[in-house]
Amino acid sequence: MVQIMSAEMDPMIKQCIKDCIDCHSSCLETMRHCLHMGGKHAGPSHITLMIDCAEICQTSADFMLNGSEYIHKVCEVCAEICDKCAESCERIDPDDRHMESCAGICRICAGSCRQMAGM
């Protein structure tokens, strides 16, 4: 069972929480950028994936903070969705710095969540 956030919390859990929160914020900020850009940036499947990614990251962080016994399962799904979101951002516009940044943060989060899923 994962411990509730405390000074004694495993550093890997703390890092994963931080990465999930960072990814959540990045997806929401990048989604705003995509909607402003319009066109392929604002395609329904891409926007839906960004929303899914932001939500699963928030949920994963919440599960870790709550010490849920299901965090490994949630983190496994989070890693998968973060990878898909990163791929989508890169495919939409690899030269857009917002998309590139979001993809990078999604990949970091996916890696942290994969580690948590494997614990």
N, C-alpha and C. Protein backbone atom coordinates (compact mmCIF):
# COMPACT_ATOMS: atom_id res chain seq x y z
N MET A 1 0.84 -1.18 0.00
CA MET A 1 0.00 0.00 0.00
C MET A 1 0.89 1.24 0.00
N VAL A 2 0.51 2.24 -0.78
CA VAL A 2 1.25 3.48 -0.89
C VAL A 2 0.94 4.35 0.33
N GLN A 3 1.96 5.01 0.87
CA GLN A 3 1.76 5.89 2.02
C GLN A 3 1.15 7.21 1.59
N ILE A 4 0.43 7.83 2.51
CA ILE A 4 -0.08 9.18 2.27
C ILE A 4 1.11 10.13 2.33
N MET A 5 1.07 11.20 1.51
CA MET A 5 2.16 12.17 1.39
C MET A 5 2.63 12.63 2.77
N SER A 6 3.89 12.42 3.03
CA SER A 6 4.49 12.85 4.29
C SER A 6 5.97 13.04 4.07
N ALA A 7 6.63 13.50 5.09
CA ALA A 7 8.08 13.70 5.00
C ALA A 7 8.78 12.37 4.74
N GLU A 8 8.17 11.25 5.16
CA GLU A 8 8.78 9.94 5.00
C GLU A 8 8.40 9.28 3.68
N MET A 9 7.60 9.94 2.87
CA MET A 9 7.14 9.33 1.62
C MET A 9 8.31 9.00 0.72
N ASP A 10 8.21 7.87 0.07
CA ASP A 10 9.22 7.41 -0.89
C ASP A 10 9.47 8.52 -1.92
N PRO A 11 10.73 8.84 -2.17
CA PRO A 11 11.05 9.89 -3.15
C PRO A 11 10.49 9.60 -4.55
N MET A 12 10.40 8.32 -4.92
CA MET A 12 9.85 7.97 -6.23
C MET A 12 8.36 8.35 -6.31
N ILE A 13 7.63 8.16 -5.22
CA ILE A 13 6.22 8.52 -5.18
C ILE A 13 6.08 10.04 -5.26
N LYS A 14 6.90 10.76 -4.50
CA LYS A 14 6.86 12.22 -4.54
C LYS A 14 7.13 12.73 -5.95
N GLN A 15 8.12 12.14 -6.62
CA GLN A 15 8.46 12.57 -7.97
C GLN A 15 7.32 12.27 -8.94
N CYS A 16 6.70 11.13 -8.79
CA CYS A 16 5.60 10.76 -9.68
C CYS A 16 4.42 11.71 -9.49
N ILE A 17 4.13 12.06 -8.25
CA ILE A 17 3.06 13.03 -7.98
C ILE A 17 3.38 14.35 -8.68
N LYS A 18 4.61 14.83 -8.53
CA LYS A 18 5.03 16.08 -9.17
C LYS A 18 4.90 15.98 -10.69
N ASP A 19 5.36 14.87 -11.26
CA ASP A 19 5.30 14.70 -12.72
C ASP A 19 3.85 14.66 -13.20
N CYS A 20 2.97 14.01 -12.45
CA CYS A 20 1.55 13.97 -12.82
C CYS A 20 0.93 15.35 -12.77
N ILE A 21 1.23 16.11 -11.75
CA ILE A 21 0.68 17.47 -11.63
C ILE A 21 1.22 18.36 -12.74
N ASP A 22 2.51 18.22 -13.05
CA ASP A 22 3.11 18.99 -14.15
C ASP A 22 2.45 18.64 -15.48
N CYS A 23 2.19 17.36 -15.70
CA CYS A 23 1.59 16.92 -16.95
C CYS A 23 0.15 17.41 -17.05
N HIS A 24 -0.58 17.33 -15.96
CA HIS A 24 -1.95 17.84 -15.93
C HIS A 24 -1.98 19.31 -16.36
N SER A 25 -1.12 20.11 -15.77
CA SER A 25 -1.07 21.54 -16.09
C SER A 25 -0.66 21.77 -17.54
N SER A 26 0.35 21.04 -17.99
CA SER A 26 0.85 21.21 -19.35
C SER A 26 -0.23 20.87 -20.38
N CYS A 27 -0.96 19.79 -20.15
CA CYS A 27 -2.01 19.41 -21.10
C CYS A 27 -3.10 20.47 -21.17
N LEU A 28 -3.50 21.00 -20.03
CA LEU A 28 -4.54 22.04 -20.04
C LEU A 28 -4.05 23.31 -20.73
N GLU A 29 -2.82 23.71 -20.45
CA GLU A 29 -2.26 24.91 -21.07
C GLU A 29 -2.09 24.71 -22.58
N THR A 30 -1.62 23.55 -22.97
CA THR A 30 -1.41 23.26 -24.40
C THR A 30 -2.74 23.13 -25.13
N MET A 31 -3.73 22.60 -24.45
CA MET A 31 -5.06 22.50 -25.06
C MET A 31 -5.60 23.89 -25.38
N ARG A 32 -5.39 24.82 -24.49
CA ARG A 32 -5.80 26.21 -24.74
C ARG A 32 -5.09 26.75 -25.99
N HIS A 33 -3.81 26.45 -26.09
CA HIS A 33 -3.02 26.86 -27.26
C HIS A 33 -3.59 26.21 -28.52
N CYS A 34 -3.90 24.93 -28.45
CA CYS A 34 -4.43 24.21 -29.61
C CYS A 34 -5.76 24.80 -30.07
N LEU A 35 -6.62 25.11 -29.13
CA LEU A 35 -7.92 25.69 -29.49
C LEU A 35 -7.74 27.06 -30.13
N HIS A 36 -6.76 27.82 -29.66
CA HIS A 36 -6.46 29.12 -30.24
C HIS A 36 -5.92 28.97 -31.66
N MET A 37 -5.07 27.97 -31.88
CA MET A 37 -4.48 27.74 -33.19
C MET A 37 -5.52 27.27 -34.21
N GLY A 38 -6.45 26.45 -33.75
CA GLY A 38 -7.47 25.91 -34.64
C GLY A 38 -6.89 24.88 -35.59
N GLY A 39 -7.64 24.55 -36.63
CA GLY A 39 -7.19 23.58 -37.62
C GLY A 39 -6.88 22.23 -37.01
N LYS A 40 -5.78 21.62 -37.46
CA LYS A 40 -5.42 20.29 -36.98
C LYS A 40 -5.12 20.27 -35.48
N HIS A 41 -4.67 21.40 -34.95
CA HIS A 41 -4.40 21.49 -33.51
C HIS A 41 -5.66 21.25 -32.69
N ALA A 42 -6.79 21.67 -33.23
CA ALA A 42 -8.05 21.62 -32.48
C ALA A 42 -8.93 20.44 -32.89
N GLY A 43 -8.35 19.45 -33.53
CA GLY A 43 -9.12 18.27 -33.92
C GLY A 43 -9.74 17.59 -32.71
N PRO A 44 -10.96 17.10 -32.83
CA PRO A 44 -11.67 16.50 -31.70
C PRO A 44 -10.91 15.35 -31.02
N SER A 45 -10.29 14.47 -31.79
CA SER A 45 -9.60 13.34 -31.16
C SER A 45 -8.38 13.81 -30.37
N HIS A 46 -7.68 14.82 -30.88
CA HIS A 46 -6.51 15.35 -30.17
C HIS A 46 -6.94 16.06 -28.88
N ILE A 47 -7.94 16.90 -28.97
CA ILE A 47 -8.42 17.62 -27.78
C ILE A 47 -8.95 16.65 -26.73
N THR A 48 -9.70 15.65 -27.17
CA THR A 48 -10.22 14.65 -26.24
C THR A 48 -9.08 13.91 -25.55
N LEU A 49 -8.05 13.56 -26.29
CA LEU A 49 -6.90 12.87 -25.71
C LEU A 49 -6.18 13.76 -24.70
N MET A 50 -6.07 15.04 -24.99
CA MET A 50 -5.42 15.96 -24.04
C MET A 50 -6.25 16.07 -22.75
N ILE A 51 -7.57 16.11 -22.89
CA ILE A 51 -8.43 16.14 -21.70
C ILE A 51 -8.26 14.85 -20.90
N ASP A 52 -8.28 13.71 -21.61
CA ASP A 52 -8.10 12.42 -20.94
C ASP A 52 -6.77 12.37 -20.19
N CYS A 53 -5.72 12.87 -20.82
CA CYS A 53 -4.40 12.86 -20.21
C CYS A 53 -4.38 13.74 -18.96
N ALA A 54 -4.91 14.93 -19.07
CA ALA A 54 -4.95 15.82 -17.91
C ALA A 54 -5.73 15.19 -16.76
N GLU A 55 -6.85 14.59 -17.06
CA GLU A 55 -7.70 14.00 -16.02
C GLU A 55 -7.05 12.78 -15.36
N ILE A 56 -6.45 11.89 -16.16
CA ILE A 56 -5.83 10.69 -15.57
C ILE A 56 -4.60 11.08 -14.75
N CYS A 57 -3.90 12.12 -15.16
CA CYS A 57 -2.76 12.59 -14.37
C CYS A 57 -3.22 13.14 -13.02
N GLN A 58 -4.29 13.91 -13.04
CA GLN A 58 -4.83 14.44 -11.78
C GLN A 58 -5.30 13.30 -10.89
N THR A 59 -5.97 12.33 -11.49
CA THR A 59 -6.46 11.18 -10.74
C THR A 59 -5.31 10.38 -10.15
N SER A 60 -4.27 10.16 -10.93
CA SER A 60 -3.11 9.41 -10.43
C SER A 60 -2.47 10.12 -9.25
N ALA A 61 -2.30 11.42 -9.36
CA ALA A 61 -1.73 12.18 -8.24
C ALA A 61 -2.62 12.06 -7.01
N ASP A 62 -3.92 12.17 -7.21
CA ASP A 62 -4.86 12.05 -6.08
C ASP A 62 -4.76 10.66 -5.43
N PHE A 63 -4.69 9.61 -6.26
CA PHE A 63 -4.60 8.26 -5.71
C PHE A 63 -3.33 8.08 -4.90
N MET A 64 -2.23 8.64 -5.39
CA MET A 64 -0.97 8.54 -4.63
C MET A 64 -1.05 9.32 -3.33
N LEU A 65 -1.62 10.51 -3.40
CA LEU A 65 -1.75 11.33 -2.18
C LEU A 65 -2.67 10.68 -1.15
N ASN A 66 -3.67 9.95 -1.64
CA ASN A 66 -4.62 9.27 -0.74
C ASN A 66 -4.10 7.93 -0.24
N GLY A 67 -3.01 7.45 -0.81
CA GLY A 67 -2.46 6.16 -0.40
C GLY A 67 -3.31 4.99 -0.87
N SER A 68 -3.95 5.14 -2.02
CA SER A 68 -4.84 4.10 -2.54
C SER A 68 -4.10 2.81 -2.85
N GLU A 69 -4.76 1.71 -2.61
CA GLU A 69 -4.18 0.41 -2.95
C GLU A 69 -4.24 0.14 -4.46
N TYR A 70 -4.95 0.99 -5.21
CA TYR A 70 -5.12 0.80 -6.66
C TYR A 70 -4.18 1.66 -7.49
N ILE A 71 -3.26 2.34 -6.85
CA ILE A 71 -2.42 3.28 -7.57
C ILE A 71 -1.62 2.61 -8.68
N HIS A 72 -1.20 1.38 -8.50
CA HIS A 72 -0.40 0.72 -9.53
C HIS A 72 -1.21 0.54 -10.80
N LYS A 73 -2.47 0.21 -10.66
CA LYS A 73 -3.34 0.05 -11.83
C LYS A 73 -3.61 1.40 -12.50
N VAL A 74 -3.87 2.41 -11.70
CA VAL A 74 -4.15 3.74 -12.24
C VAL A 74 -2.90 4.28 -12.95
N CYS A 75 -1.75 4.09 -12.35
CA CYS A 75 -0.50 4.57 -12.96
C CYS A 75 -0.21 3.84 -14.27
N GLU A 76 -0.56 2.58 -14.36
CA GLU A 76 -0.36 1.84 -15.60
C GLU A 76 -1.17 2.48 -16.73
N VAL A 77 -2.42 2.80 -16.45
CA VAL A 77 -3.29 3.45 -17.45
C VAL A 77 -2.78 4.86 -17.75
N CYS A 78 -2.34 5.56 -16.72
CA CYS A 78 -1.82 6.92 -16.90
C CYS A 78 -0.62 6.91 -17.85
N ALA A 79 0.29 5.98 -17.66
CA ALA A 79 1.47 5.89 -18.53
C ALA A 79 1.05 5.68 -19.98
N GLU A 80 0.09 4.82 -20.21
CA GLU A 80 -0.37 4.53 -21.56
C GLU A 80 -0.99 5.78 -22.21
N ILE A 81 -1.82 6.48 -21.47
CA ILE A 81 -2.48 7.67 -22.02
C ILE A 81 -1.46 8.79 -22.24
N CYS A 82 -0.53 8.96 -21.33
CA CYS A 82 0.51 9.99 -21.50
C CYS A 82 1.34 9.72 -22.75
N ASP A 83 1.68 8.47 -23.00
CA ASP A 83 2.42 8.13 -24.22
C ASP A 83 1.62 8.48 -25.47
N LYS A 84 0.33 8.17 -25.46
CA LYS A 84 -0.53 8.46 -26.61
C LYS A 84 -0.67 9.96 -26.82
N CYS A 85 -0.77 10.72 -25.73
CA CYS A 85 -0.88 12.17 -25.83
C CYS A 85 0.41 12.76 -26.40
N ALA A 86 1.55 12.26 -25.96
CA ALA A 86 2.84 12.73 -26.48
C ALA A 86 2.93 12.47 -27.98
N GLU A 87 2.54 11.28 -28.40
CA GLU A 87 2.56 10.93 -29.83
C GLU A 87 1.65 11.87 -30.63
N SER A 88 0.48 12.15 -30.09
CA SER A 88 -0.47 13.02 -30.78
C SER A 88 0.10 14.44 -30.92
N CYS A 89 0.69 14.96 -29.85
CA CYS A 89 1.27 16.30 -29.89
C CYS A 89 2.39 16.37 -30.94
N GLU A 90 3.22 15.35 -30.99
CA GLU A 90 4.32 15.33 -31.95
C GLU A 90 3.81 15.22 -33.38
N ARG A 91 2.74 14.46 -33.56
CA ARG A 91 2.18 14.25 -34.89
C ARG A 91 1.47 15.53 -35.39
N ILE A 92 0.79 16.23 -34.50
CA ILE A 92 0.05 17.44 -34.88
C ILE A 92 0.99 18.50 -35.43
N ASP A 93 2.07 18.79 -34.69
CA ASP A 93 3.01 19.81 -35.16
C ASP A 93 4.33 19.68 -34.41
N PRO A 94 5.28 18.93 -34.97
CA PRO A 94 6.56 18.71 -34.29
C PRO A 94 7.41 19.97 -34.16
N ASP A 95 7.07 21.02 -34.91
CA ASP A 95 7.85 22.26 -34.86
C ASP A 95 7.26 23.31 -33.92
N ASP A 96 6.11 23.01 -33.33
CA ASP A 96 5.44 23.94 -32.42
C ASP A 96 6.03 23.73 -31.02
N ARG A 97 6.62 24.77 -30.44
CA ARG A 97 7.30 24.62 -29.15
C ARG A 97 6.33 24.22 -28.03
N HIS A 98 5.07 24.66 -28.11
CA HIS A 98 4.08 24.26 -27.10
C HIS A 98 3.82 22.76 -27.17
N MET A 99 3.68 22.27 -28.40
CA MET A 99 3.40 20.85 -28.59
C MET A 99 4.61 20.00 -28.19
N GLU A 100 5.79 20.48 -28.53
CA GLU A 100 7.02 19.78 -28.19
C GLU A 100 7.20 19.70 -26.67
N SER A 101 6.93 20.81 -25.99
CA SER A 101 7.06 20.84 -24.54
C SER A 101 6.06 19.90 -23.87
N CYS A 102 4.82 19.94 -24.33
CA CYS A 102 3.79 19.07 -23.76
C CYS A 102 4.15 17.61 -23.98
N ALA A 103 4.62 17.27 -25.17
CA ALA A 103 5.01 15.89 -25.46
C ALA A 103 6.13 15.44 -24.51
N GLY A 104 7.09 16.31 -24.27
CA GLY A 104 8.19 15.97 -23.37
C GLY A 104 7.72 15.73 -21.95
N ILE A 105 6.84 16.58 -21.47
CA ILE A 105 6.32 16.44 -20.11
C ILE A 105 5.46 15.17 -20.00
N CYS A 106 4.68 14.89 -21.05
CA CYS A 106 3.89 13.65 -21.06
C CYS A 106 4.79 12.43 -20.99
N ARG A 107 5.91 12.45 -21.69
CA ARG A 107 6.82 11.30 -21.68
C ARG A 107 7.49 11.13 -20.31
N ILE A 108 7.82 12.24 -19.67
CA ILE A 108 8.39 12.17 -18.31
C ILE A 108 7.38 11.54 -17.36
N CYS A 109 6.14 12.00 -17.44
CA CYS A 109 5.09 11.47 -16.58
C CYS A 109 4.85 9.99 -16.86
N ALA A 110 4.83 9.62 -18.13
CA ALA A 110 4.65 8.21 -18.49
C ALA A 110 5.74 7.35 -17.86
N GLY A 111 6.97 7.82 -17.90
CA GLY A 111 8.07 7.07 -17.29
C GLY A 111 7.92 6.90 -15.79
N SER A 112 7.55 7.99 -15.11
CA SER A 112 7.34 7.93 -13.66
C SER A 112 6.20 6.97 -13.32
N CYS A 113 5.12 7.07 -14.09
CA CYS A 113 3.96 6.21 -13.81
C CYS A 113 4.28 4.74 -14.11
N ARG A 114 5.07 4.49 -15.13
CA ARG A 114 5.47 3.11 -15.43
C ARG A 114 6.27 2.53 -14.26
N GLN A 115 7.14 3.36 -13.67
CA GLN A 115 7.90 2.90 -12.49
C GLN A 115 6.95 2.59 -11.34
N MET A 116 5.97 3.45 -11.12
CA MET A 116 5.00 3.22 -10.03
C MET A 116 4.18 1.96 -10.29
N ALA A 117 3.79 1.76 -11.53
CA ALA A 117 2.98 0.58 -11.88
C ALA A 117 3.77 -0.71 -11.63
N GLY A 118 5.09 -0.62 -11.78
CA GLY A 118 5.92 -1.79 -11.59
C GLY A 118 6.36 -2.06 -10.17
N MET A 119 6.03 -1.17 -9.25
CA MET A 119 6.46 -1.34 -7.86
C MET A 119 5.81 -2.56 -7.21
